[in-house]
C-alpha atoms as a PDB file:
ATOM      1  CA  MET A   1      85.838  32.164 119.869  1.00  0.00           C
ATOM      2  CA  ARG A   2      86.956  28.739 121.133  1.00  0.00           C
ATOM      3  CA  ASP A   3      84.080  28.551 123.582  1.00  0.00           C
ATOM      4  CA  GLY A   4      81.650  29.608 120.857  1.00  0.00           C
ATOM      5  CA  MET A   5      81.015  33.014 122.404  1.00  0.00           C
ATOM      6  CA  ILE A   6      81.415  36.324 120.573  1.00  0.00           C
ATOM      7  CA  ARG A   7      83.399  38.646 122.771  1.00  0.00           C
ATOM      8  CA  GLU A   8      83.294  42.425 122.678  1.00  0.00           C
ATOM      9  CA  PRO A   9      86.490  44.039 121.418  1.00  0.00           C
ATOM     10  CA  GLN A  10      88.580  45.741 124.097  1.00  0.00           C
ATOM     11  CA  MET A  11      88.608  49.516 123.774  1.00  0.00           C
ATOM     12  CA  GLY A  12      92.118  50.847 123.421  1.00  0.00           C
ATOM     13  CA  GLN A  13      93.374  54.062 124.969  1.00  0.00           C
ATOM     14  CA  LEU A  14      93.062  57.122 122.753  1.00  0.00           C
ATOM     15  CA  GLY A  15      96.535  58.379 121.898  1.00  0.00           C
ATOM     16  CA  PHE A  16      97.731  61.725 120.543  1.00  0.00           C
ATOM     17  CA  PHE A  17      97.942  60.510 116.934  1.00  0.00           C
ATOM     18  CA  ASP A  18      94.490  58.885 117.174  1.00  0.00           C
ATOM     19  CA  ALA A  19      93.036  62.229 118.250  1.00  0.00           C
ATOM     20  CA  GLU A  20      94.854  63.995 115.404  1.00  0.00           C
ATOM     21  CA  LYS A  21      93.446  61.515 112.883  1.00  0.00           C
ATOM     22  CA  ARG A  22      89.928  62.014 114.159  1.00  0.00           C
ATOM     23  CA  LEU A  23      90.261  65.782 114.049  1.00  0.00           C
ATOM     24  CA  ALA A  24      91.640  65.592 110.518  1.00  0.00           C
ATOM     25  CA  ALA A  25      88.597  63.524 109.527  1.00  0.00           C
ATOM     26  CA  LEU A  26      86.294  66.142 111.083  1.00  0.00           C
ATOM     27  CA  SER A  27      88.102  68.876 109.164  1.00  0.00           C
ATOM     28  CA  ALA A  28      87.721  66.925 105.935  1.00  0.00           C
ATOM     29  CA  LYS A  29      83.968  66.690 106.556  1.00  0.00           C
ATOM     30  CA  GLY A  30      83.810  70.442 107.175  1.00  0.00           C
ATOM     31  CA  ASP A  31      83.871  71.350 110.857  1.00  0.00           C
ATOM     32  CA  PRO A  32      81.907  74.649 111.155  1.00  0.00           C
ATOM     33  CA  LEU A  33      83.782  75.515 114.343  1.00  0.00           C
ATOM     34  CA  GLU A  34      87.022  75.694 112.379  1.00  0.00           C
ATOM     35  CA  ALA A  35      85.473  78.262 110.047  1.00  0.00           C
ATOM     36  CA  ILE A  36      84.310  80.396 112.980  1.00  0.00           C
ATOM     37  CA  ASP A  37      87.718  80.046 114.616  1.00  0.00           C
ATOM     38  CA  ARG A  38      89.371  81.456 111.490  1.00  0.00           C
ATOM     39  CA  LEU A  39      86.878  84.274 110.935  1.00  0.00           C
ATOM     40  CA  VAL A  40      86.839  85.804 114.409  1.00  0.00           C
ATOM     41  CA  PRO A  41      89.799  87.869 115.721  1.00  0.00           C
ATOM     42  CA  TRP A  42      89.580  86.476 119.238  1.00  0.00           C
ATOM     43  CA  GLU A  43      92.390  88.504 120.743  1.00  0.00           C
ATOM     44  CA  SER A  44      90.490  91.716 120.005  1.00  0.00           C
ATOM     45  CA  PHE A  45      88.067  90.728 122.798  1.00  0.00           C
ATOM     46  CA  ARG A  46      90.725  90.124 125.438  1.00  0.00           C
ATOM     47  CA  ALA A  47      91.210  93.620 126.863  1.00  0.00           C
ATOM     48  CA  ASP A  48      87.494  94.242 127.429  1.00  0.00           C
ATOM     49  CA  ILE A  49      86.927  90.823 129.020  1.00  0.00           C
ATOM     50  CA  GLU A  50      89.989  90.887 131.280  1.00  0.00           C
ATOM     51  CA  ALA A  51      89.120  94.378 132.489  1.00  0.00           C
ATOM     52  CA  VAL A  52      85.957  92.854 133.970  1.00  0.00           C
ATOM     53  CA  VAL A  53      86.967  89.356 135.066  1.00  0.00           C
ATOM     54  CA  LEU A  54      90.549  90.017 136.220  1.00  0.00           C
ATOM     55  CA  THR A  55      89.753  92.378 139.056  1.00  0.00           C
ATOM     56  CA  PRO A  56      92.536  93.204 141.574  1.00  0.00           C
ATOM     57  CA  ASP A  57      90.743  90.977 144.085  1.00  0.00           C
ATOM     58  CA  ALA A  58      90.690  88.035 141.686  1.00  0.00           C
ATOM     59  CA  ILE A  59      94.359  88.512 140.784  1.00  0.00           C
ATOM     60  CA  ARG A  60      95.356  88.603 144.444  1.00  0.00           C
ATOM     61  CA  LYS A  61      93.376  85.462 145.283  1.00  0.00           C
ATOM     62  CA  ASN A  62      94.898  83.531 142.398  1.00  0.00           C
ATOM     63  CA  SER A  63      98.511  84.684 142.793  1.00  0.00           C
ATOM     64  CA  ALA A  64      99.326  81.899 145.240  1.00  0.00           C
ATOM     65  CA  GLY A  65      96.923  79.248 144.001  1.00  0.00           C
ATOM     66  CA  ARG A  66      95.819  77.717 140.748  1.00  0.00           C
ATOM     67  CA  LYS A  67      95.899  80.190 137.878  1.00  0.00           C
ATOM     68  CA  PRO A  68      92.535  81.250 136.412  1.00  0.00           C
ATOM     69  CA  VAL A  69      91.477  79.873 133.054  1.00  0.00           C
ATOM     70  CA  ASP A  70      92.452  82.144 130.165  1.00  0.00           C
ATOM     71  CA  ALA A  71      89.766  84.756 129.443  1.00  0.00           C
ATOM     72  CA  ILE A  72      89.595  83.901 125.733  1.00  0.00           C
ATOM     73  CA  VAL A  73      89.169  80.192 126.497  1.00  0.00           C
ATOM     74  CA  MET A  74      86.214  81.143 128.708  1.00  0.00           C
ATOM     75  CA  PHE A  75      84.753  83.402 126.021  1.00  0.00           C
ATOM     76  CA  ARG A  76      85.141  80.653 123.427  1.00  0.00           C
ATOM     77  CA  MET A  77      83.300  78.318 125.802  1.00  0.00           C
ATOM     78  CA  LEU A  78      80.531  80.888 126.144  1.00  0.00           C
ATOM     79  CA  VAL A  79      80.320  81.052 122.351  1.00  0.00           C
ATOM     80  CA  LEU A  80      80.168  77.242 122.174  1.00  0.00           C
ATOM     81  CA  GLN A  81      77.320  77.296 124.656  1.00  0.00           C
ATOM     82  CA  ALA A  82      75.434  79.757 122.491  1.00  0.00           C
ATOM     83  CA  LEU A  83      76.302  78.014 119.235  1.00  0.00           C
ATOM     84  CA  HIS A  84      74.898  74.707 120.442  1.00  0.00           C
ATOM     85  CA  ASN A  85      72.289  75.980 122.876  1.00  0.00           C
ATOM     86  CA  LEU A  86      73.644  74.204 125.946  1.00  0.00           C
ATOM     87  CA  SER A  87      73.392  74.705 129.680  1.00  0.00           C
ATOM     88  CA  ASP A  88      76.537  75.279 131.723  1.00  0.00           C
ATOM     89  CA  GLU A  89      76.734  71.643 132.765  1.00  0.00           C
ATOM     90  CA  GLN A  90      75.961  70.423 129.253  1.00  0.00           C
ATOM     91  CA  VAL A  91      78.667  72.493 127.602  1.00  0.00           C
ATOM     92  CA  GLU A  92      81.228  71.256 130.145  1.00  0.00           C
ATOM     93  CA  TYR A  93      80.249  67.665 129.340  1.00  0.00           C
ATOM     94  CA  GLN A  94      80.338  68.237 125.591  1.00  0.00           C
ATOM     95  CA  VAL A  95      83.784  69.866 125.724  1.00  0.00           C
ATOM     96  CA  ARG A  96      85.048  66.808 127.590  1.00  0.00           C
ATOM     97  CA  ASP A  97      83.317  64.463 125.168  1.00  0.00           C
ATOM     98  CA  ARG A  98      83.865  66.075 121.751  1.00  0.00           C
ATOM     99  CA  LEU A  99      87.257  66.579 120.198  1.00  0.00           C
ATOM    100  CA  SER A 100      85.964  69.342 117.934  1.00  0.00           C
ATOM    101  CA  PHE A 101      84.839  71.336 120.983  1.00  0.00           C
ATOM    102  CA  THR A 102      88.193  70.854 122.726  1.00  0.00           C
ATOM    103  CA  ARG A 103      89.997  72.000 119.583  1.00  0.00           C
ATOM    104  CA  PHE A 104      87.782  75.078 119.329  1.00  0.00           C
ATOM    105  CA  LEU A 105      88.862  76.043 122.853  1.00  0.00           C
ATOM    106  CA  ARG A 106      92.493  75.518 121.793  1.00  0.00           C
ATOM    107  CA  LEU A 107      92.940  72.982 124.595  1.00  0.00           C
ATOM    108  CA  GLY A 108      94.832  69.727 124.487  1.00  0.00           C
ATOM    109  CA  ILE A 109      93.584  66.440 125.907  1.00  0.00           C
ATOM    110  CA  GLU A 110      95.755  66.971 128.980  1.00  0.00           C
ATOM    111  CA  ASP A 111      94.530  70.541 129.685  1.00  0.00           C
ATOM    112  CA  ARG A 112      92.094  71.476 132.426  1.00  0.00           C
ATOM    113  CA  ILE A 113      88.559  72.063 131.184  1.00  0.00           C
ATOM    114  CA  PRO A 114      86.505  74.764 132.933  1.00  0.00           C
ATOM    115  CA  ASP A 115      83.525  73.357 134.802  1.00  0.00           C
ATOM    116  CA  GLY A 116      79.941  74.610 134.637  1.00  0.00           C
ATOM    117  CA  THR A 117      80.235  76.686 137.799  1.00  0.00           C
ATOM    118  CA  THR A 118      83.344  78.471 136.519  1.00  0.00           C
ATOM    119  CA  LEU A 119      81.521  79.313 133.278  1.00  0.00           C
ATOM    120  CA  TRP A 120      78.516  80.586 135.200  1.00  0.00           C
ATOM    121  CA  LEU A 121      80.677  82.855 137.364  1.00  0.00           C
ATOM    122  CA  PHE A 122      82.482  84.149 134.269  1.00  0.00           C
ATOM    123  CA  ARG A 123      79.226  84.950 132.515  1.00  0.00           C
ATOM    124  CA  GLU A 124      77.773  86.627 135.603  1.00  0.00           C
ATOM    125  CA  LYS A 125      80.752  88.986 135.821  1.00  0.00           C
ATOM    126  CA  LEU A 126      80.259  89.939 132.174  1.00  0.00           C
ATOM    127  CA  ALA A 127      76.513  90.348 132.687  1.00  0.00           C
ATOM    128  CA  LYS A 128      76.885  92.592 135.728  1.00  0.00           C
ATOM    129  CA  ALA A 129      79.266  94.791 133.739  1.00  0.00           C
ATOM    130  CA  GLY A 130      76.748  94.972 130.883  1.00  0.00           C
ATOM    131  CA  LEU A 131      79.309  93.456 128.541  1.00  0.00           C
ATOM    132  CA  ILE A 132      77.638  90.307 127.205  1.00  0.00           C
ATOM    133  CA  GLU A 133      75.487  91.987 124.580  1.00  0.00           C
ATOM    134  CA  THR A 134      78.391  94.203 123.490  1.00  0.00           C
ATOM    135  CA  LEU A 135      80.694  91.215 123.043  1.00  0.00           C
ATOM    136  CA  PHE A 136      78.173  89.243 121.049  1.00  0.00           C
ATOM    137  CA  ASP A 137      77.241  92.251 118.923  1.00  0.00           C
ATOM    138  CA  ARG A 138      80.906  92.473 117.957  1.00  0.00           C
ATOM    139  CA  PHE A 139      81.055  88.715 117.431  1.00  0.00           C
ATOM    140  CA  ASP A 140      78.046  88.949 115.121  1.00  0.00           C
ATOM    141  CA  GLN A 141      79.598  91.870 113.238  1.00  0.00           C
ATOM    142  CA  HIS A 142      82.771  89.891 112.565  1.00  0.00           C
ATOM    143  CA  LEU A 143      80.734  87.033 111.127  1.00  0.00           C
ATOM    144  CA  GLY A 144      78.570  89.419 109.119  1.00  0.00           C
ATOM    145  CA  ALA A 145      81.660  91.074 107.649  1.00  0.00           C
ATOM    146  CA  GLN A 146      82.722  87.652 106.369  1.00  0.00           C
ATOM    147  CA  GLY A 147      79.394  87.067 104.619  1.00  0.00           C
ATOM    148  CA  TYR A 148      77.461  85.425 107.450  1.00  0.00           C
ATOM    149  CA  ILE A 149      74.516  87.796 107.222  1.00  0.00           C
ATOM    150  CA  ALA A 150      71.038  86.506 108.002  1.00  0.00           C
ATOM    151  CA  ARG A 151      69.597  84.768 104.946  1.00  0.00           C
ATOM    152  CA  GLY A 152      66.842  82.416 103.866  1.00  0.00           C
ATOM    153  CA  GLY A 153      64.160  83.443 106.352  1.00  0.00           C
ATOM    154  CA  GLN A 154      63.948  83.140 110.097  1.00  0.00           C
ATOM    155  CA  ILE A 155      62.891  80.172 112.196  1.00  0.00           C
ATOM    156  CA  ILE A 156      61.220  80.987 115.513  1.00  0.00           C
ATOM    157  CA  ASP A 157      60.937  78.440 118.278  1.00  0.00           C
ATOM    158  CA  ALA A 158      60.786  77.995 122.038  1.00  0.00           C
ATOM    159  CA  THR A 159      62.073  75.252 124.302  1.00  0.00           C
ATOM    160  CA  ILE A 160      61.262  74.440 127.910  1.00  0.00           C
ATOM    161  CA  VAL A 161      64.303  74.188 130.161  1.00  0.00           C
ATOM    162  CA  ALA A 162      63.447  72.203 133.270  1.00  0.00           C
ATOM    163  CA  VAL A 163      65.176  73.036 136.551  1.00  0.00           C
ATOM    164  CA  PRO A 164      65.128  71.173 139.892  1.00  0.00           C
ATOM    165  CA  ARG A 165      61.718  71.335 141.516  1.00  0.00           C
ATOM    166  CA  GLN A 166      61.474  73.422 144.658  1.00  0.00           C
ATOM    167  CA  ARG A 167      60.353  71.765 147.884  1.00  0.00           C
ATOM    168  CA  ASN A 168      58.275  74.691 149.067  1.00  0.00           C
ATOM    169  CA  THR A 169      55.220  74.913 151.247  1.00  0.00           C
ATOM    170  CA  HIS A 170      51.917  76.130 149.810  1.00  0.00           C
ATOM    171  CA  GLU A 171      52.353  79.466 151.611  1.00  0.00           C
ATOM    172  CA  GLU A 172      55.872  79.900 150.219  1.00  0.00           C
ATOM    173  CA  ASN A 173      54.680  79.239 146.668  1.00  0.00           C
ATOM    174  CA  GLU A 174      51.860  81.747 147.044  1.00  0.00           C
ATOM    175  CA  ALA A 175      54.320  84.399 148.216  1.00  0.00           C
ATOM    176  CA  ILE A 176      56.606  83.697 145.236  1.00  0.00           C
ATOM    177  CA  LYS A 177      53.673  84.051 142.831  1.00  0.00           C
ATOM    178  CA  ARG A 178      52.984  87.485 144.319  1.00  0.00           C
ATOM    179  CA  GLY A 179      56.596  88.429 143.665  1.00  0.00           C
ATOM    180  CA  GLU A 180      57.473  88.344 147.354  1.00  0.00           C
ATOM    181  CA  THR A 181      60.202  86.498 149.259  1.00  0.00           C
ATOM    182  CA  PRO A 182      58.839  84.296 152.076  1.00  0.00           C
ATOM    183  CA  ASP A 183      59.638  85.733 155.523  1.00  0.00           C
ATOM    184  CA  ASP A 184      61.509  82.623 156.622  1.00  0.00           C
ATOM    185  CA  TRP A 185      63.843  82.862 153.608  1.00  0.00           C
ATOM    186  CA  GLU A 186      64.640  86.495 154.373  1.00  0.00           C
ATOM    187  CA  LYS A 187      65.912  85.378 157.781  1.00  0.00           C
ATOM    188  CA  LYS A 188      68.055  82.647 156.220  1.00  0.00           C
ATOM    189  CA  PRO A 189      70.188  84.192 153.435  1.00  0.00           C
ATOM    190  CA  ALA A 190      71.902  80.886 152.626  1.00  0.00           C
ATOM    191  CA  LYS A 191      68.542  79.201 152.057  1.00  0.00           C
ATOM    192  CA  ASN A 192      67.272  82.182 150.068  1.00  0.00           C
ATOM    193  CA  ARG A 193      70.275  82.005 147.714  1.00  0.00           C
ATOM    194  CA  GLN A 194      69.503  78.370 146.936  1.00  0.00           C
ATOM    195  CA  LYS A 195      65.884  79.029 146.032  1.00  0.00           C
ATOM    196  CA  ASP A 196      64.749  79.691 142.481  1.00  0.00           C
ATOM    197  CA  LYS A 197      62.033  82.334 142.688  1.00  0.00           C
ATOM    198  CA  ASP A 198      61.639  83.006 138.958  1.00  0.00           C
ATOM    199  CA  ALA A 199      60.869  79.567 137.503  1.00  0.00           C
ATOM    200  CA  ARG A 200      57.229  78.619 136.935  1.00  0.00           C
ATOM    201  CA  TRP A 201      55.135  75.552 136.141  1.00  0.00           C
ATOM    202  CA  THR A 202      53.679  74.781 132.721  1.00  0.00           C
ATOM    203  CA  LYS A 203      52.144  71.822 130.913  1.00  0.00           C
ATOM    204  CA  LYS A 204      53.108  70.360 127.572  1.00  0.00           C
ATOM    205  CA  HIS A 205      51.585  67.262 125.979  1.00  0.00           C
ATOM    206  CA  GLY A 206      49.890  66.525 129.293  1.00  0.00           C
ATOM    207  CA  LYS A 207      53.143  66.604 131.295  1.00  0.00           C
ATOM    208  CA  SER A 208      54.054  69.192 133.915  1.00  0.00           C
ATOM    209  CA  PHE A 209      57.376  71.036 133.752  1.00  0.00           C
ATOM    210  CA  TYR A 210      58.983  73.474 136.178  1.00  0.00           C
ATOM    211  CA  GLY A 211      61.533  75.907 134.852  1.00  0.00           C
ATOM    212  CA  TYR A 212      62.116  78.404 132.090  1.00  0.00           C
ATOM    213  CA  LYS A 213      61.521  78.799 128.410  1.00  0.00           C
ATOM    214  CA  ASN A 214      64.068  79.806 125.796  1.00  0.00           C
ATOM    215  CA  HIS A 215      62.839  81.752 122.793  1.00  0.00           C
ATOM    216  CA  VAL A 216      65.102  81.949 119.748  1.00  0.00           C
ATOM    217  CA  ASN A 217      65.211  83.206 116.171  1.00  0.00           C
ATOM    218  CA  ALA A 218      67.681  81.454 113.860  1.00  0.00           C
ATOM    219  CA  ASP A 219      68.296  82.370 110.253  1.00  0.00           C
ATOM    220  CA  ALA A 220      67.623  79.496 107.868  1.00  0.00           C
ATOM    221  CA  LYS A 221      70.778  79.837 105.776  1.00  0.00           C
ATOM    222  CA  HIS A 222      73.593  79.900 108.333  1.00  0.00           C
ATOM    223  CA  LYS A 223      71.736  78.551 111.354  1.00  0.00           C
ATOM    224  CA  LEU A 224      72.814  81.545 113.433  1.00  0.00           C
ATOM    225  CA  ILE A 225      70.695  82.574 116.388  1.00  0.00           C
ATOM    226  CA  ARG A 226      69.888  86.215 115.667  1.00  0.00           C
ATOM    227  CA  ARG A 227      67.547  86.937 118.574  1.00  0.00           C
ATOM    228  CA  TYR A 228      67.199  85.267 121.942  1.00  0.00           C
ATOM    229  CA  ASP A 229      65.144  85.691 125.099  1.00  0.00           C
ATOM    230  CA  VAL A 230      64.414  83.753 128.296  1.00  0.00           C
ATOM    231  CA  SER A 231      61.162  83.728 130.235  1.00  0.00           C
ATOM    232  CA  ASP A 232      59.612  81.569 132.889  1.00  0.00           C
ATOM    233  CA  ALA A 233      58.002  78.405 131.498  1.00  0.00           C
ATOM    234  CA  ALA A 234      54.448  79.730 131.896  1.00  0.00           C
ATOM    235  CA  VAL A 235      54.887  82.402 129.207  1.00  0.00           C
ATOM    236  CA  HIS A 236      53.245  81.364 125.934  1.00  0.00           C
ATOM    237  CA  ASP A 237      55.575  81.077 122.928  1.00  0.00           C
ATOM    238  CA  SER A 238      53.665  83.679 120.925  1.00  0.00           C
ATOM    239  CA  GLN A 239      54.080  86.384 123.586  1.00  0.00           C
ATOM    240  CA  LYS A 240      57.768  86.703 122.708  1.00  0.00           C
ATOM    241  CA  LEU A 241      57.362  86.657 118.930  1.00  0.00           C
ATOM    242  CA  ASP A 242      57.431  90.399 118.328  1.00  0.00           C
ATOM    243  CA  GLY A 243      60.737  90.871 120.149  1.00  0.00           C
ATOM    244  CA  LEU A 244      62.347  87.971 118.265  1.00  0.00           C
ATOM    245  CA  LEU A 245      61.641  89.161 114.733  1.00  0.00           C
ATOM    246  CA  HIS A 246      64.796  90.172 112.866  1.00  0.00           C
ATOM    247  CA  THR A 247      64.474  92.796 110.139  1.00  0.00           C
ATOM    248  CA  GLY A 248      68.031  92.189 108.923  1.00  0.00           C
ATOM    249  CA  ASN A 249      67.214  88.888 107.214  1.00  0.00           C
ATOM    250  CA  THR A 250      67.417  88.977 103.413  1.00  0.00           C
ATOM    251  CA  SER A 251      64.182  86.935 103.215  1.00  0.00           C
ATOM    252  CA  ASP A 252      60.822  88.011 104.578  1.00  0.00           C
ATOM    253  CA  ALA A 253      59.730  84.436 105.416  1.00  0.00           C
ATOM    254  CA  VAL A 254      59.029  83.557 109.071  1.00  0.00           C
ATOM    255  CA  PHE A 255      58.789  79.872 110.004  1.00  0.00           C
ATOM    256  CA  GLY A 256      57.330  78.542 113.242  1.00  0.00           C
ATOM    257  CA  ASP A 257      55.155  75.791 114.653  1.00  0.00           C
ATOM    258  CA  SER A 258      51.429  76.135 115.243  1.00  0.00           C
ATOM    259  CA  ALA A 259      51.915  77.566 118.764  1.00  0.00           C
ATOM    260  CA  TYR A 260      52.602  80.896 117.035  1.00  0.00           C
ATOM    261  CA  ARG A 261      49.551  80.734 114.786  1.00  0.00           C
ATOM    262  CA  SER A 262      46.820  83.268 115.497  1.00  0.00           C
ATOM    263  CA  ALA A 263      44.972  86.057 113.717  1.00  0.00           C
ATOM    264  CA  GLU A 264      46.934  88.568 115.802  1.00  0.00           C
ATOM    265  CA  THR A 265      50.287  87.008 114.823  1.00  0.00           C
ATOM    266  CA  GLU A 266      49.367  86.973 111.141  1.00  0.00           C
ATOM    267  CA  ALA A 267      48.362  90.638 111.321  1.00  0.00           C
ATOM    268  CA  THR A 268      51.604  91.557 113.139  1.00  0.00           C
ATOM    269  CA  LEU A 269      53.769  89.803 110.572  1.00  0.00           C
ATOM    270  CA  LYS A 270      51.919  91.385 107.662  1.00  0.00           C
ATOM    271  CA  ALA A 271      52.109  94.871 109.200  1.00  0.00           C
ATOM    272  CA  GLN A 272      55.885  94.535 109.588  1.00  0.00           C
ATOM    273  CA  GLY A 273      56.397  93.271 106.048  1.00  0.00           C
ATOM    274  CA  PHE A 274      56.993  89.601 106.875  1.00  0.00           C
ATOM    275  CA  ARG A 275      55.580  86.610 105.032  1.00  0.00           C
ATOM    276  CA  SER A 276      54.074  84.020 107.403  1.00  0.00           C
ATOM    277  CA  ARG A 277      55.207  80.426 106.946  1.00  0.00           C
ATOM    278  CA  ILE A 278      53.860  79.399 110.352  1.00  0.00           C
ATOM    279  CA  HIS A 279      52.163  76.018 110.583  1.00  0.00           C
ATOM    280  CA  VAL A 280      48.411  76.014 110.257  1.00  0.00           C
ATOM    281  CA  ARG A 281      46.635  74.465 113.226  1.00  0.00           C
ATOM    282  CA  ALA A 282      43.586  72.251 112.903  1.00  0.00           C
ATOM    283  CA  ALA A 283      40.517  73.432 114.792  1.00  0.00           C
ATOM    284  CA  ARG A 284      38.497  71.068 116.955  1.00  0.00           C
ATOM    285  CA  SER A 285      36.261  68.914 114.763  1.00  0.00           C
ATOM    286  CA  HIS A 286      37.705  70.632 111.692  1.00  0.00           C
ATOM    287  CA  PRO A 287      40.720  68.683 110.373  1.00  0.00           C
ATOM    288  CA  LEU A 288      43.128  70.347 107.984  1.00  0.00           C
ATOM    289  CA  SER A 289      42.529  70.069 104.265  1.00  0.00           C
ATOM    290  CA  LYS A 290      44.955  68.030 102.159  1.00  0.00           C
ATOM    291  CA  ALA A 291      46.431  71.248 100.755  1.00  0.00           C
ATOM    292  CA  LYS A 292      47.107  72.694 104.224  1.00  0.00           C
ATOM    293  CA  GLU A 293      48.618  69.403 105.453  1.00  0.00           C
ATOM    294  CA  GLU A 294      50.957  69.407 102.459  1.00  0.00           C
ATOM    295  CA  ALA A 295      51.895  73.055 103.099  1.00  0.00           C
ATOM    296  CA  ASN A 296      52.793  72.159 106.696  1.00  0.00           C
ATOM    297  CA  ARG A 297      54.902  69.237 105.468  1.00  0.00           C
ATOM    298  CA  ARG A 298      56.778  71.542 103.082  1.00  0.00           C
ATOM    299  CA  ARG A 299      57.527  73.918 105.939  1.00  0.00           C
ATOM    300  CA  VAL A 300      58.841  71.070 108.074  1.00  0.00           C
ATOM    301  CA  ARG A 301      61.036  69.828 105.209  1.00  0.00           C
ATOM    302  CA  PHE A 302      62.438  73.317 104.741  1.00  0.00           C
ATOM    303  CA  ALA A 303      63.252  73.701 108.431  1.00  0.00           C
ATOM    304  CA  LEU A 304      64.876  70.273 108.574  1.00  0.00           C
ATOM    305  CA  ALA A 305      66.921  71.013 105.455  1.00  0.00           C
ATOM    306  CA  SER A 306      68.079  74.241 107.088  1.00  0.00           C
ATOM    307  CA  SER A 307      69.257  72.557 110.267  1.00  0.00           C
ATOM    308  CA  THR A 308      72.779  71.403 111.115  1.00  0.00           C
ATOM    309  CA  CYS A 309      71.633  68.985 113.748  1.00  0.00           C
ATOM    310  CA  SER A 310      69.603  65.894 114.420  1.00  0.00           C
ATOM    311  CA  GLY A 311      66.636  67.822 113.119  1.00  0.00           C
ATOM    312  CA  LEU A 312      65.198  71.234 113.809  1.00  0.00           C
ATOM    313  CA  ARG A 313      62.332  69.577 115.581  1.00  0.00           C
ATOM    314  CA  ARG A 314      63.003  72.190 118.242  1.00  0.00           C
ATOM    315  CA  LEU A 315      65.723  74.766 118.568  1.00  0.00           C
ATOM    316  CA  HIS A 316      67.048  74.047 122.042  1.00  0.00           C
ATOM    317  CA  ARG A 317      68.164  76.799 124.395  1.00  0.00           C
ATOM    318  CA  VAL A 318      71.125  78.595 124.732  1.00  0.00           C
ATOM    319  CA  ALA A 319      69.572  78.301 126.658  1.00  0.00           C
ATOM    320  CA  GLY A 320      69.922  73.847 127.289  1.00  0.00           C
ATOM    321  CA  SER A 321      70.006  77.258 128.379  1.00  0.00           C
ATOM    322  CA  PHE A 322      72.072  79.796 129.742  1.00  0.00           C
ATOM    323  CA  GLY A 323      70.860  77.299 132.243  1.00  0.00           C
ATOM    324  CA  ARG A 324      72.379  78.242 135.538  1.00  0.00           C
ATOM    325  CA  SER A 325      71.935  81.934 134.833  1.00  0.00           C
ATOM    326  CA  ALA A 326      68.253  81.482 134.105  1.00  0.00           C
ATOM    327  CA  SER A 327      67.589  78.810 136.696  1.00  0.00           C
ATOM    328  CA  SER A 328      69.219  80.792 139.467  1.00  0.00           C
ATOM    329  CA  GLY A 329      66.969  83.759 138.835  1.00  0.00           C
ATOM    330  CA  HIS A 330      69.550  86.129 137.385  1.00  0.00           C
ATOM    331  CA  GLU A 331      68.644  88.747 134.826  1.00  0.00           C
ATOM    332  CA  ARG A 332      67.385  87.390 131.564  1.00  0.00           C
ATOM    333  CA  ARG A 333      69.079  87.906 128.259  1.00  0.00           C
ATOM    334  CA  SER A 334      67.231  89.351 125.295  1.00  0.00           C
ATOM    335  CA  ASP A 335      68.272  90.236 121.763  1.00  0.00           C
ATOM    336  CA  TYR A 336      71.174  87.840 122.289  1.00  0.00           C
ATOM    337  CA  ARG A 337      72.912  87.500 118.958  1.00  0.00           C
ATOM    338  CA  THR A 338      74.776  84.254 118.828  1.00  0.00           C
ATOM    339  CA  SER A 339      75.481  81.513 116.399  1.00  0.00           C
ATOM    340  CA  SER A 340      74.619  78.180 115.051  1.00  0.00           C
ATOM    341  CA  THR A 341      72.010  75.951 116.583  1.00  0.00           C
ATOM    342  CA  THR A 342      72.422  72.327 117.306  1.00  0.00           C
ATOM    343  CA  SER A 343      69.042  71.264 118.474  1.00  0.00           C
ATOM    344  CA  VAL A 344      67.714  68.922 121.072  1.00  0.00           C
ATOM    345  CA  ALA A 345      64.079  68.048 120.872  1.00  0.00           C
ATOM    346  CA  SER A 346      61.964  69.547 123.569  1.00  0.00           C
END
């Protein structure tokens, strides 16, 4: 201060006891990951997972090199991805950045953290074996047995997940739209593998996006994602509504933004015994009445009060996606029962 200037404090190195203090503070505030960690018998998943990911080939390749990451650590990371609706790269970053995530994986500060590619490969092995849905069904059952059944109504939403734009010719794009692979790509397998043939263009608020769309259903009480699907970005939100509805919720209320509002949607919900709490949309030249505006505000307040995050303005994908899996054109996941949503606005 002698020269009259205010200097920024120097950031000290985070030590072991500093990390412990911060984690203790998180626990005192109520870290939901700790509750999940206690409720789920993780070791009961090991045999099924290792039977798929620890093939004789993989064991032989790793015997002389770096040991593979523990299967349960990888499964926990997959759960984290679903819990917070993150892409492979995003969940890697968040595990590095957030002490609560590192603790959930049972890793220390000095331990190696799996990267996004490793997670993608792990998930693809499970998917090809048809094991992902089975694992998450069991995961959901464990939570349900501890009282985490779907309560308070269901919140439906969709989020666009942008992927790198393809530098294709007009002819190549036309072939992709027809569901064909361009001839030149067939002759160049390496190039073909790098191309995303399932993503599509869409517009939102006047801006163009290229990628996919994640569709989720979260229960309002526990913020658990009960249904999940991925489509290309051009699919309208409402087209996935029927497959997202969850009859196991203790409340019949269904919340959603005005993209889901239509006479057909209202009839579908009523026929299946649901009570629509979907936002009412103003028609052109016909603004909403004061009563309808207030009803929409109440629905927004309810959704925000039910969210664990910076606001349930949009439930972001598990999809933040099952990003690499979707963006690389692999099979899409539906009826994906996972847990709590931390949202990112779309």
